[in-house]
Amino acid sequence: MRKEAKHLFQKAVDSLTISIELFNRPNDNGRVHGVLIFMDHAFEMRLKASIVERRGKILQDGKSETIGMSSCIRKCLSDAKVKFLSEEQVLVLQTLNSLRDAAQHYVVKVSEQQLYFHCQAGLTLFRDITNEVFRIDLRAKLPERVLPLSTIPPLEISALFDNEITEIKKLLSPKSRKLIEAKQKLRSLAIFENAVKGIDEQPSEKELKHMLVQIKQNLPFGSVFPSVSTLRFTANGYGPSLDLRITKDNDATPIIIVPEGTAGAAVVAIRRVNELDFYNLSAKDLSEKSGLSVVRMVALIKELKLQNDPDCYKLIVINSQKYKRYSQKALASVKKGIKELDMDDVWERNKPKAKKLN
């Protein structure tokens, strides 16, 4: 590990450990915002360590300060040199960062179940990044006595939001008159909705009021939170080894494409500025660089299932044009496949089917 990356790596683990400690503490004083602040800091240090390890730059151009969290996320998503984040992983980071922002600079009420989901998904992502970039098992870096978060069984995301909406309705009941508390609880849900939409801003009073009206009208979860309703949680394992990830359904709202620097636009809403640099090969390019004919290259692509691997393939849409593009990782896989596979067999299995004559 590079020396600078090693120091940043340790700072990240320290903050993550404190975040886990705060999560599991019996005293609730300052617990929620403490968990969010330290977990957000842990991720900023981890992303910077990852960028440095992959020989990227974390200093701002012409300045002595390092880049902020949003710039770190964007670089790890779109910079071909360091890229390792997916769009779903960015949603985890942006939601945590926005919740931290609300907790640090204003007031937000996060339920125990919701805090658990975001933090467990965060811990899983932290573990994934540590393994992906540094090839290190995170458990080897945490104190032996640390129990990573908790063992609360995961709910479906719709069930989680339905529970939250029910609690908000109770706060809005005529006898309760707890409008401020209802907004505080709703704000955490609205932050998640905005992150999925690609909006990197705190929800406005107008937005919160509109959502409260919808909740009073008993509209279903998918109507009040249409973007979040396209997500689902996937869990593997149990107890301390539980992995919790956020994934998108196939019919999920597509990522919005806007120019970089657009005010209020989150990282996932910004077009990957280096996307064509990362996916810089066509099937013809793969053919020329590997010595196969184009038709045999297409057969090999099917054999290797390269189009199922987001690190190898991306369908890039520019206006009305669609481009099938492949990465350098795809080229490496192709060259390895040519060496290890019988290309005649590959061709027989994947060659175009002859058209039947009427």
Protein backbone atom coordinates (compact mmCIF):
# COMPACT_ATOMS: atom_id res chain seq x y z
CA MET A 1 0.00 0.00 0.00
CA ARG A 2 1.31 3.49 -0.83
CA LYS A 3 2.45 5.50 2.21
CA GLU A 4 -0.12 8.32 1.90
CA ALA A 5 -2.89 5.83 1.21
CA LYS A 6 -1.89 3.85 4.32
CA HIS A 7 -2.39 6.90 6.59
CA LEU A 8 -5.77 7.71 4.99
CA PHE A 9 -6.74 4.04 5.20
CA GLN A 10 -6.15 4.00 8.96
CA LYS A 11 -8.08 7.24 9.50
CA ALA A 12 -11.00 5.67 7.68
CA VAL A 13 -10.92 2.55 9.87
CA ASP A 14 -10.68 4.70 13.02
CA SER A 15 -13.77 6.73 12.08
CA LEU A 16 -15.69 3.61 11.06
CA THR A 17 -14.87 1.97 14.40
CA ILE A 18 -16.13 5.03 16.30
CA SER A 19 -19.30 5.06 14.17
CA ILE A 20 -19.97 1.40 15.01
CA GLU A 21 -19.24 2.09 18.68
CA LEU A 22 -21.75 4.96 18.72
CA PHE A 23 -24.35 2.85 16.91
CA ASN A 24 -24.17 0.15 19.58
CA ARG A 25 -23.97 2.43 22.62
CA PRO A 26 -26.86 2.34 25.13
CA ASN A 27 -26.91 6.14 25.57
CA ASP A 28 -28.97 7.97 22.90
CA ASN A 29 -27.48 11.43 23.55
CA GLY A 30 -25.98 12.59 20.24
CA ARG A 31 -25.98 9.00 19.00
CA VAL A 32 -27.68 9.38 15.60
CA HIS A 33 -25.79 12.41 14.34
CA GLY A 34 -22.55 11.00 15.80
CA VAL A 35 -23.01 7.75 13.85
CA LEU A 36 -23.71 9.62 10.59
CA ILE A 37 -20.86 12.13 10.98
CA PHE A 38 -18.20 9.51 11.69
CA MET A 39 -19.42 7.07 9.03
CA ASP A 40 -19.45 9.85 6.43
CA HIS A 41 -15.90 10.84 7.45
CA ALA A 42 -14.83 7.19 7.26
CA PHE A 43 -16.01 7.03 3.66
CA GLU A 44 -14.33 10.28 2.65
CA MET A 45 -11.02 8.97 4.01
CA ARG A 46 -11.56 5.56 2.39
CA LEU A 47 -12.30 7.10 -1.02
CA LYS A 48 -9.25 9.37 -0.79
CA ALA A 49 -7.08 6.41 0.22
CA SER A 50 -8.44 4.48 -2.77
CA ILE A 51 -7.78 7.35 -5.18
CA VAL A 52 -4.20 7.71 -3.93
CA GLU A 53 -3.63 3.95 -4.07
CA ARG A 54 -4.70 3.96 -7.71
CA ARG A 55 -2.38 6.91 -8.37
CA GLY A 56 -5.07 9.51 -8.74
CA LYS A 57 -4.93 13.07 -7.39
CA ILE A 58 -6.84 14.29 -4.34
CA LEU A 59 -5.44 17.84 -4.24
CA GLN A 60 -7.57 20.55 -5.84
CA ASP A 61 -5.96 22.08 -8.92
CA GLY A 62 -3.80 25.02 -7.91
CA LYS A 63 -4.74 24.73 -4.22
CA SER A 64 -3.33 23.12 -1.10
CA GLU A 65 -6.72 21.72 -0.02
CA THR A 66 -7.89 18.25 -0.94
CA ILE A 67 -11.12 17.61 -2.85
CA GLY A 68 -14.39 17.18 -0.97
CA MET A 69 -16.70 14.20 -0.62
CA SER A 70 -18.74 14.88 -3.79
CA SER A 71 -15.61 15.21 -5.92
CA CYS A 72 -14.22 12.01 -4.40
CA ILE A 73 -17.39 10.13 -5.29
CA ARG A 74 -17.41 11.54 -8.83
CA LYS A 75 -13.78 10.59 -9.40
CA CYS A 76 -14.32 7.06 -8.09
CA LEU A 77 -17.37 6.67 -10.34
CA SER A 78 -16.15 8.28 -13.54
CA ASP A 79 -12.36 8.63 -13.64
CA ALA A 80 -11.10 5.78 -15.80
CA LYS A 81 -7.85 5.66 -13.85
CA VAL A 82 -9.40 4.96 -10.45
CA LYS A 83 -13.02 3.89 -11.17
CA PHE A 84 -14.45 1.25 -8.86
CA LEU A 85 -17.88 2.52 -7.76
CA SER A 86 -21.21 1.58 -9.33
CA GLU A 87 -24.25 3.86 -9.49
CA GLU A 88 -26.04 1.86 -6.79
CA GLN A 89 -23.01 2.20 -4.49
CA VAL A 90 -23.00 5.95 -5.10
CA LEU A 91 -26.61 6.10 -3.90
CA VAL A 92 -25.50 4.65 -0.55
CA LEU A 93 -22.74 7.25 -0.25
CA GLN A 94 -24.89 10.20 -1.31
CA THR A 95 -27.71 9.28 1.05
CA LEU A 96 -25.34 8.92 4.00
CA ASN A 97 -23.63 12.20 3.09
CA SER A 98 -26.95 14.08 2.83
CA LEU A 99 -28.21 12.62 6.11
CA ARG A 100 -24.94 13.66 7.75
CA ASP A 101 -25.34 17.15 6.31
CA ALA A 102 -28.85 17.46 7.73
CA ALA A 103 -27.78 16.04 11.11
CA GLN A 104 -24.74 18.28 11.36
CA HIS A 105 -26.25 21.55 10.13
CA TYR A 106 -29.92 21.30 11.05
CA VAL A 107 -32.32 18.73 12.52
CA VAL A 108 -33.34 15.36 11.13
CA LYS A 109 -35.08 12.48 12.88
CA VAL A 110 -33.92 9.07 11.69
CA SER A 111 -35.76 6.03 13.01
CA GLU A 112 -33.83 3.11 14.45
CA GLN A 113 -34.81 0.85 11.56
CA GLN A 114 -33.84 3.43 8.94
CA LEU A 115 -30.53 4.21 10.65
CA TYR A 116 -29.78 0.51 10.72
CA PHE A 117 -30.46 0.08 7.01
CA HIS A 118 -28.30 2.99 5.90
CA CYS A 119 -25.44 2.09 8.24
CA GLN A 120 -25.51 -1.65 7.49
CA ALA A 121 -25.52 -0.88 3.75
CA GLY A 122 -22.68 1.55 4.43
CA LEU A 123 -20.67 -1.03 6.35
CA THR A 124 -21.17 -3.55 3.54
CA LEU A 125 -20.00 -0.99 0.97
CA PHE A 126 -16.98 -0.06 3.12
CA ARG A 127 -16.08 -3.76 3.25
CA ASP A 128 -16.56 -4.10 -0.53
CA ILE A 129 -14.32 -1.10 -1.31
CA THR A 130 -11.63 -2.34 1.08
CA ASN A 131 -11.58 -5.69 -0.67
CA GLU A 132 -11.91 -4.29 -4.22
CA VAL A 133 -9.16 -1.67 -4.01
CA PHE A 134 -6.81 -2.97 -1.33
CA ARG A 135 -7.51 -6.72 -1.39
CA ILE A 136 -7.86 -6.61 2.41
CA ASP A 137 -10.54 -8.30 4.55
CA LEU A 138 -12.02 -5.50 6.68
CA ARG A 139 -12.44 -7.86 9.63
CA ALA A 140 -8.66 -8.03 9.91
CA LYS A 141 -8.56 -4.26 10.54
CA LEU A 142 -11.35 -3.96 13.11
CA PRO A 143 -10.81 -4.64 16.83
CA GLU A 144 -11.80 -8.19 17.74
CA ARG A 145 -14.39 -6.94 20.22
CA VAL A 146 -16.28 -4.89 17.60
CA LEU A 147 -19.68 -6.27 16.59
CA PRO A 148 -20.39 -4.64 13.21
CA LEU A 149 -23.67 -2.84 13.84
CA SER A 150 -26.54 -5.13 14.80
CA THR A 151 -28.51 -8.23 13.92
CA ILE A 152 -31.88 -6.62 13.19
CA PRO A 153 -33.52 -8.69 10.43
CA PRO A 154 -33.93 -6.64 7.22
CA LEU A 155 -37.32 -5.57 5.94
CA GLU A 156 -38.43 -4.91 2.39
CA ILE A 157 -37.88 -1.25 1.55
CA SER A 158 -41.62 -0.76 1.01
CA ALA A 159 -42.34 -2.16 4.48
CA LEU A 160 -39.74 0.16 6.00
CA PHE A 161 -41.28 3.23 4.35
CA ASP A 162 -44.83 2.11 5.18
CA ASN A 163 -43.82 1.93 8.85
CA GLU A 164 -42.26 5.40 8.64
CA ILE A 165 -45.36 6.84 6.94
CA THR A 166 -47.59 5.32 9.62
CA GLU A 167 -45.54 7.06 12.32
CA ILE A 168 -45.72 10.37 10.42
CA LYS A 169 -49.52 10.03 10.18
CA LYS A 170 -49.69 9.62 13.95
CA LEU A 171 -47.70 12.84 14.38
CA LEU A 172 -50.09 14.62 12.00
CA SER A 173 -53.26 13.48 13.77
CA PRO A 174 -55.50 16.33 15.09
CA LYS A 175 -54.85 15.38 18.71
CA SER A 176 -51.09 15.19 18.26
CA ARG A 177 -50.20 18.54 16.64
CA LYS A 178 -46.57 17.57 16.16
CA LEU A 179 -45.97 19.09 12.72
CA ILE A 180 -42.32 19.93 13.43
CA GLU A 181 -41.58 16.35 14.54
CA ALA A 182 -43.40 15.01 11.45
CA LYS A 183 -41.20 17.17 9.18
CA GLN A 184 -38.06 16.02 10.98
CA LYS A 185 -38.98 12.39 10.42
CA LEU A 186 -40.08 13.01 6.83
CA ARG A 187 -36.85 14.87 6.02
CA SER A 188 -34.75 11.70 6.31
CA LEU A 189 -37.08 9.89 3.87
CA ALA A 190 -37.09 12.85 1.47
CA ILE A 191 -33.28 12.93 1.53
CA PHE A 192 -33.23 9.30 0.36
CA GLU A 193 -35.79 10.10 -2.39
CA ASN A 194 -33.71 13.07 -3.60
CA ALA A 195 -30.53 11.00 -3.68
CA VAL A 196 -32.18 8.44 -5.95
CA LYS A 197 -33.53 11.23 -8.18
CA GLY A 198 -30.03 12.68 -8.47
CA ILE A 199 -30.70 15.83 -6.46
CA ASP A 200 -27.80 16.81 -4.22
CA GLU A 201 -29.76 19.22 -2.03
CA GLN A 202 -31.69 19.12 1.21
CA PRO A 203 -35.49 18.89 0.66
CA SER A 204 -37.16 22.30 0.78
CA GLU A 205 -40.05 23.28 3.03
CA LYS A 206 -42.29 23.32 -0.04
CA GLU A 207 -41.33 19.76 -0.92
CA LEU A 208 -41.89 18.55 2.63
CA LYS A 209 -45.30 20.21 2.82
CA HIS A 210 -46.31 18.63 -0.50
CA MET A 211 -45.27 15.20 0.76
CA LEU A 212 -47.17 15.71 4.00
CA VAL A 213 -50.32 16.52 2.00
CA GLN A 214 -49.85 13.32 0.00
CA ILE A 215 -49.42 11.31 3.20
CA LYS A 216 -52.58 12.85 4.68
CA GLN A 217 -54.41 11.80 1.50
CA ASN A 218 -53.30 8.19 2.20
CA LEU A 219 -51.50 7.91 -1.13
CA PRO A 220 -49.46 4.68 -1.47
CA PHE A 221 -45.73 4.61 -0.77
CA GLY A 222 -44.88 4.47 -4.49
CA SER A 223 -46.79 7.70 -5.17
CA VAL A 224 -45.12 9.70 -2.41
CA PHE A 225 -41.64 8.24 -3.01
CA PRO A 226 -41.64 7.13 -6.68
CA SER A 227 -37.85 6.91 -7.02
CA VAL A 228 -37.20 4.99 -3.80
CA SER A 229 -39.95 2.55 -4.77
CA THR A 230 -37.71 1.36 -7.64
CA LEU A 231 -35.09 0.15 -5.16
CA ARG A 232 -34.81 -2.95 -3.06
CA PHE A 233 -32.51 -4.26 -0.35
CA THR A 234 -30.66 -7.53 -0.90
CA ALA A 235 -29.22 -9.28 2.14
CA ASN A 236 -26.76 -12.16 2.43
CA GLY A 237 -25.65 -13.88 5.61
CA TYR A 238 -26.79 -13.03 9.11
CA GLY A 239 -25.56 -11.48 12.35
CA PRO A 240 -22.08 -9.87 12.20
CA SER A 241 -21.49 -11.26 8.70
CA LEU A 242 -24.66 -9.73 7.21
CA ASP A 243 -24.18 -7.98 3.87
CA LEU A 244 -26.88 -5.46 2.96
CA ARG A 245 -26.88 -3.78 -0.45
CA ILE A 246 -29.20 -1.42 -2.32
CA THR A 247 -30.04 -2.49 -5.86
CA LYS A 248 -32.26 -1.11 -8.60
CA ASP A 249 -35.15 -2.95 -10.17
CA ASN A 250 -35.00 -3.43 -13.92
CA ASP A 251 -37.72 -0.83 -14.43
CA ALA A 252 -35.99 1.71 -12.20
CA THR A 253 -35.95 5.38 -13.09
CA PRO A 254 -32.92 5.94 -15.34
CA ILE A 255 -30.03 8.12 -14.23
CA ILE A 256 -30.61 11.71 -15.36
CA ILE A 257 -27.94 13.13 -17.69
CA VAL A 258 -26.95 16.75 -17.06
CA PRO A 259 -23.74 18.76 -17.58
CA GLU A 260 -21.13 18.48 -14.84
CA GLY A 261 -21.39 21.35 -12.39
CA THR A 262 -25.16 21.70 -12.68
CA ALA A 263 -26.41 23.27 -9.44
CA GLY A 264 -28.16 20.80 -7.15
CA ALA A 265 -27.26 17.78 -9.28
CA ALA A 266 -25.87 14.80 -7.42
CA VAL A 267 -23.00 12.68 -8.66
CA VAL A 268 -25.21 9.96 -10.16
CA ALA A 269 -27.13 12.63 -12.07
CA ILE A 270 -23.98 13.87 -13.78
CA ARG A 271 -22.83 12.22 -16.92
CA ARG A 272 -19.60 10.35 -16.49
CA VAL A 273 -17.19 12.82 -18.03
CA ASN A 274 -14.65 10.09 -18.69
CA GLU A 275 -17.11 7.34 -19.56
CA LEU A 276 -16.02 7.16 -23.18
CA ASP A 277 -12.43 7.06 -21.97
CA PHE A 278 -13.20 4.06 -19.80
CA TYR A 279 -15.39 2.22 -22.33
CA ASN A 280 -13.12 3.17 -25.21
CA LEU A 281 -13.41 0.13 -27.48
CA SER A 282 -15.97 -1.09 -29.97
CA ALA A 283 -16.40 -4.72 -31.03
CA LYS A 284 -14.38 -3.82 -34.14
CA ASP A 285 -11.59 -2.43 -31.95
CA LEU A 286 -11.56 -5.65 -29.93
CA SER A 287 -11.37 -7.56 -33.18
CA GLU A 288 -8.42 -5.58 -34.50
CA LYS A 289 -6.47 -5.73 -31.24
CA SER A 290 -6.96 -9.47 -30.78
CA GLY A 291 -6.65 -10.68 -34.38
CA LEU A 292 -10.16 -12.19 -34.59
CA SER A 293 -12.68 -11.39 -37.28
CA VAL A 294 -15.58 -9.22 -36.16
CA VAL A 295 -18.13 -12.03 -36.44
CA ARG A 296 -15.97 -14.35 -34.34
CA MET A 297 -15.39 -11.56 -31.86
CA VAL A 298 -19.16 -11.17 -31.43
CA ALA A 299 -19.37 -14.92 -30.79
CA LEU A 300 -16.60 -14.71 -28.17
CA ILE A 301 -18.31 -11.75 -26.48
CA LYS A 302 -21.45 -13.89 -26.13
CA GLU A 303 -19.42 -16.85 -24.86
CA LEU A 304 -17.69 -14.76 -22.18
CA LYS A 305 -20.92 -12.91 -21.31
CA LEU A 306 -19.03 -9.62 -21.40
CA GLN A 307 -22.22 -7.61 -21.78
CA ASN A 308 -23.33 -8.84 -18.34
CA ASP A 309 -20.26 -7.32 -16.69
CA PRO A 310 -20.58 -3.53 -16.05
CA ASP A 311 -16.80 -3.27 -15.78
CA CYS A 312 -16.46 -4.64 -19.32
CA TYR A 313 -19.45 -3.26 -21.21
CA LYS A 314 -21.69 -0.21 -21.31
CA LEU A 315 -24.46 0.80 -23.68
CA ILE A 316 -23.88 4.54 -23.98
CA VAL A 317 -26.77 6.68 -25.18
CA ILE A 318 -26.03 10.11 -26.64
CA ASN A 319 -29.19 11.86 -27.82
CA SER A 320 -30.91 9.25 -29.99
CA GLN A 321 -27.74 7.28 -30.78
CA LYS A 322 -26.75 4.10 -28.94
CA TYR A 323 -23.17 2.83 -28.79
CA LYS A 324 -22.03 -0.57 -27.54
CA ARG A 325 -18.69 0.11 -25.86
CA TYR A 326 -16.14 -2.12 -24.14
CA SER A 327 -13.37 -1.42 -21.63
CA GLN A 328 -9.73 -2.46 -21.40
CA LYS A 329 -10.84 -5.12 -18.94
CA ALA A 330 -12.98 -6.57 -21.72
CA LEU A 331 -9.95 -6.66 -24.03
CA ALA A 332 -7.95 -8.53 -21.38
CA SER A 333 -10.79 -11.04 -21.00
CA VAL A 334 -10.96 -11.49 -24.77
CA LYS A 335 -7.21 -12.17 -25.07
CA LYS A 336 -7.38 -14.63 -22.19
CA GLY A 337 -10.38 -16.35 -23.80
CA ILE A 338 -8.57 -16.74 -27.12
CA LYS A 339 -5.68 -18.48 -25.34
CA GLU A 340 -7.78 -20.78 -23.18
CA LEU A 341 -10.82 -21.61 -25.35
CA ASP A 342 -11.25 -23.59 -28.54
CA MET A 343 -12.46 -20.85 -30.88
CA ASP A 344 -14.04 -23.33 -33.29
CA ASP A 345 -16.23 -24.62 -30.45
CA VAL A 346 -17.00 -21.05 -29.38
CA TRP A 347 -18.08 -20.23 -32.92
CA GLU A 348 -20.33 -23.28 -33.19
CA ARG A 349 -22.08 -22.42 -29.93
CA ASN A 350 -22.54 -18.73 -30.65
CA LYS A 351 -22.62 -18.22 -34.39
CA PRO A 352 -25.66 -16.40 -35.84
CA LYS A 353 -28.58 -18.67 -36.55
CA ALA A 354 -29.39 -19.14 -40.22
CA LYS A 355 -32.61 -17.47 -41.32
CA LYS A 356 -35.36 -19.85 -42.33
CA LEU A 357 -36.69 -19.46 -45.85
CA ASN A 358 -40.45 -19.39 -46.27
